Amino acid sequence: MALKRVMVELGMGTDIRGTDYTKAAVRALRDALWHNSLSVAAALGKSADSMVVEVLIGVPRPERVDRDAVLAVLPHGTGTVQVVEGGLEIPDDAGTGSTVMAHAAAVVRLDVA
C-alpha cells in the first residue's frame, strides 16, 4: 500500500471553564473536520472509509487527553491519535479552574498509485 498525503486540516478547540483536556481536543478535531467536505477520495475512485487519518493534538498536559474519545470523532476511515505538548492553559482569577486550548491537525492519507 502506498499511502499518500492528500489533505491537512487544522483546528482549535477550547474548554472555557472545566479544564477538560479531552473536551478541548475533541472540539479542536471537530473544528478541523467540520469546515470541510473532502471529496478527494471519491474523485480518486475510493471510498471515504479508505481514508487513513493521522490526528495530532497539542495541549499543555498530553496525558489528560482520552485518545479513544478523540478518535471517535472521525466520521470515515481509520485513524491514529498522537497527543503532544502544545496549546494553552489559562488559569482563572480565583485559581479554581482554567481555560484549556487545544490545537489539532488531521493528516488524511489515501492509497494511491
C-alpha atoms as a PDB file:
ATOM      1  CA  MET A   1       0.000   0.000   0.000  1.00  0.00           C
ATOM      2  CA  ALA A   2       1.350   3.430  -0.985  1.00  0.00           C
ATOM      3  CA  LEU A   3      -0.311   5.915   1.344  1.00  0.00           C
ATOM      4  CA  LYS A   4      -0.031   9.484   0.088  1.00  0.00           C
ATOM      5  CA  ARG A   5      -0.946  12.625   1.984  1.00  0.00           C
ATOM      6  CA  VAL A   6      -3.876  14.256   0.211  1.00  0.00           C
ATOM      7  CA  MET A   7      -5.080  16.766   2.797  1.00  0.00           C
ATOM      8  CA  VAL A   8      -4.095  18.503   6.043  1.00  0.00           C
ATOM      9  CA  GLU A   9      -6.858  20.053   8.129  1.00  0.00           C
ATOM     10  CA  LEU A  10      -6.232  22.319  11.138  1.00  0.00           C
ATOM     11  CA  GLY A  11      -8.468  23.231  14.056  1.00  0.00           C
ATOM     12  CA  MET A  12      -8.659  24.761  17.518  1.00  0.00           C
ATOM     13  CA  GLY A  13     -10.925  23.874  20.430  1.00  0.00           C
ATOM     14  CA  THR A  14     -11.414  25.042  23.990  1.00  0.00           C
ATOM     15  CA  ASP A  15     -12.958  24.118  27.292  1.00  0.00           C
ATOM     16  CA  ILE A  16     -13.663  27.527  28.777  1.00  0.00           C
ATOM     17  CA  ARG A  17     -14.267  26.652  32.430  1.00  0.00           C
ATOM     18  CA  GLY A  18     -13.936  22.927  33.012  1.00  0.00           C
ATOM     19  CA  THR A  19     -10.223  22.310  32.432  1.00  0.00           C
ATOM     20  CA  ASP A  20     -11.312  19.264  30.397  1.00  0.00           C
ATOM     21  CA  TYR A  21      -8.457  18.429  28.047  1.00  0.00           C
ATOM     22  CA  THR A  22     -10.408  15.764  26.164  1.00  0.00           C
ATOM     23  CA  LYS A  23     -13.318  18.118  25.524  1.00  0.00           C
ATOM     24  CA  ALA A  24     -10.943  20.747  24.122  1.00  0.00           C
ATOM     25  CA  ALA A  25      -9.162  18.136  21.961  1.00  0.00           C
ATOM     26  CA  VAL A  26     -12.455  16.768  20.580  1.00  0.00           C
ATOM     27  CA  ARG A  27     -13.605  20.287  19.757  1.00  0.00           C
ATOM     28  CA  ALA A  28     -10.300  21.025  18.017  1.00  0.00           C
ATOM     29  CA  LEU A  29     -10.590  17.955  15.795  1.00  0.00           C
ATOM     30  CA  ARG A  30     -14.230  18.748  15.008  1.00  0.00           C
ATOM     31  CA  ASP A  31     -13.193  22.278  14.090  1.00  0.00           C
ATOM     32  CA  ALA A  32     -10.630  20.853  11.684  1.00  0.00           C
ATOM     33  CA  LEU A  33     -13.027  18.377  10.083  1.00  0.00           C
ATOM     34  CA  TRP A  34     -16.440  20.031  10.133  1.00  0.00           C
ATOM     35  CA  HIS A  35     -15.462  23.011   7.983  1.00  0.00           C
ATOM     36  CA  ASN A  36     -14.708  20.784   5.022  1.00  0.00           C
ATOM     37  CA  SER A  37     -16.245  18.230   2.749  1.00  0.00           C
ATOM     38  CA  LEU A  38     -13.482  16.012   1.482  1.00  0.00           C
ATOM     39  CA  SER A  39     -14.366  14.795  -1.978  1.00  0.00           C
ATOM     40  CA  VAL A  40     -10.824  13.729  -2.832  1.00  0.00           C
ATOM     41  CA  ALA A  41     -11.498  10.044  -2.064  1.00  0.00           C
ATOM     42  CA  ALA A  42     -14.471   9.905  -4.441  1.00  0.00           C
ATOM     43  CA  ALA A  43     -12.536  11.876  -7.071  1.00  0.00           C
ATOM     44  CA  LEU A  44      -9.879   9.147  -6.973  1.00  0.00           C
ATOM     45  CA  GLY A  45     -12.451   6.349  -7.140  1.00  0.00           C
ATOM     46  CA  LYS A  46     -12.008   5.463  -3.460  1.00  0.00           C
ATOM     47  CA  SER A  47     -14.455   5.037  -0.606  1.00  0.00           C
ATOM     48  CA  ALA A  48     -14.461   7.634   2.176  1.00  0.00           C
ATOM     49  CA  ASP A  49     -13.807   4.741   4.535  1.00  0.00           C
ATOM     50  CA  SER A  50     -10.493   4.060   2.787  1.00  0.00           C
ATOM     51  CA  MET A  51      -9.045   7.251   4.273  1.00  0.00           C
ATOM     52  CA  VAL A  52      -6.327   6.862   6.894  1.00  0.00           C
ATOM     53  CA  VAL A  53      -6.258   9.863   9.226  1.00  0.00           C
ATOM     54  CA  GLU A  54      -3.330  10.764  11.451  1.00  0.00           C
ATOM     55  CA  VAL A  55      -4.573  13.089  14.193  1.00  0.00           C
ATOM     56  CA  LEU A  56      -2.090  15.241  16.094  1.00  0.00           C
ATOM     57  CA  ILE A  57      -3.353  17.109  19.178  1.00  0.00           C
ATOM     58  CA  GLY A  58      -1.380  19.772  21.053  1.00  0.00           C
ATOM     59  CA  VAL A  59      -2.289  20.509  24.700  1.00  0.00           C
ATOM     60  CA  PRO A  60      -0.223  21.520  27.743  1.00  0.00           C
ATOM     61  CA  ARG A  61      -0.822  18.182  29.519  1.00  0.00           C
ATOM     62  CA  PRO A  62      -0.989  15.411  26.884  1.00  0.00           C
ATOM     63  CA  GLU A  63      -1.622  12.673  29.457  1.00  0.00           C
ATOM     64  CA  ARG A  64      -5.032  14.212  30.254  1.00  0.00           C
ATOM     65  CA  VAL A  65      -6.498  13.519  26.787  1.00  0.00           C
ATOM     66  CA  ASP A  66      -8.605  10.409  26.151  1.00  0.00           C
ATOM     67  CA  ARG A  67      -7.282   9.345  22.733  1.00  0.00           C
ATOM     68  CA  ASP A  68     -10.213   6.975  22.112  1.00  0.00           C
ATOM     69  CA  ALA A  69     -12.712   9.839  22.573  1.00  0.00           C
ATOM     70  CA  VAL A  70     -10.766  11.950  20.068  1.00  0.00           C
ATOM     71  CA  LEU A  71     -10.563   9.081  17.573  1.00  0.00           C
ATOM     72  CA  ALA A  72     -14.336   8.555  17.853  1.00  0.00           C
ATOM     73  CA  VAL A  73     -14.828  11.966  16.173  1.00  0.00           C
ATOM     74  CA  LEU A  74     -13.663  10.641  12.782  1.00  0.00           C
ATOM     75  CA  PRO A  75     -16.731  10.125  10.572  1.00  0.00           C
ATOM     76  CA  HIS A  76     -14.926   7.970   7.995  1.00  0.00           C
ATOM     77  CA  GLY A  77     -11.848   5.834   7.622  1.00  0.00           C
ATOM     78  CA  THR A  78      -9.427   4.674  10.239  1.00  0.00           C
ATOM     79  CA  GLY A  79      -7.066   6.739  12.292  1.00  0.00           C
ATOM     80  CA  THR A  80      -4.475   7.187  14.952  1.00  0.00           C
ATOM     81  CA  VAL A  81      -4.129   9.877  17.593  1.00  0.00           C
ATOM     82  CA  GLN A  82      -0.884  11.328  18.886  1.00  0.00           C
ATOM     83  CA  VAL A  83      -1.030  13.912  21.678  1.00  0.00           C
ATOM     84  CA  VAL A  84       1.924  16.231  22.201  1.00  0.00           C
ATOM     85  CA  GLU A  85       2.738  19.216  24.379  1.00  0.00           C
ATOM     86  CA  GLY A  86       1.295  22.431  22.974  1.00  0.00           C
ATOM     87  CA  GLY A  87      -1.845  24.556  23.230  1.00  0.00           C
ATOM     88  CA  LEU A  88      -2.549  26.767  26.233  1.00  0.00           C
ATOM     89  CA  GLU A  89      -3.934  26.593  29.761  1.00  0.00           C
ATOM     90  CA  ILE A  90      -5.087  29.911  31.184  1.00  0.00           C
ATOM     91  CA  PRO A  91      -5.871  29.897  34.948  1.00  0.00           C
ATOM     92  CA  ASP A  92      -8.904  31.861  36.137  1.00  0.00           C
ATOM     93  CA  ASP A  93      -8.512  34.751  38.579  1.00  0.00           C
ATOM     94  CA  ALA A  94      -9.799  32.708  41.523  1.00  0.00           C
ATOM     95  CA  GLY A  95      -7.257  29.957  40.928  1.00  0.00           C
ATOM     96  CA  THR A  96     -10.027  27.357  40.903  1.00  0.00           C
ATOM     97  CA  GLY A  97     -10.053  26.428  37.238  1.00  0.00           C
ATOM     98  CA  SER A  98      -8.581  27.054  33.825  1.00  0.00           C
ATOM     99  CA  THR A  99      -9.452  27.534  30.198  1.00  0.00           C
ATOM    100  CA  VAL A 100      -7.797  24.887  28.028  1.00  0.00           C
ATOM    101  CA  MET A 101      -6.985  25.489  24.364  1.00  0.00           C
ATOM    102  CA  ALA A 102      -6.144  22.520  22.124  1.00  0.00           C
ATOM    103  CA  HIS A 103      -4.845  22.528  18.575  1.00  0.00           C
ATOM    104  CA  ALA A 104      -5.476  19.721  16.095  1.00  0.00           C
ATOM    105  CA  ALA A 105      -4.034  18.637  12.785  1.00  0.00           C
ATOM    106  CA  ALA A 106      -5.663  15.873  10.764  1.00  0.00           C
ATOM    107  CA  VAL A 107      -3.453  14.436   8.032  1.00  0.00           C
ATOM    108  CA  VAL A 108      -5.570  12.492   5.546  1.00  0.00           C
ATOM    109  CA  ARG A 109      -3.873   9.761   3.513  1.00  0.00           C
ATOM    110  CA  LEU A 110      -5.137   7.553   0.704  1.00  0.00           C
ATOM    111  CA  ASP A 111      -3.673   4.557  -1.048  1.00  0.00           C
ATOM    112  CA  VAL A 112      -2.876   5.997  -4.481  1.00  0.00           C
ATOM    113  CA  ALA A 113      -0.539   4.830  -7.181  1.00  0.00           C
END
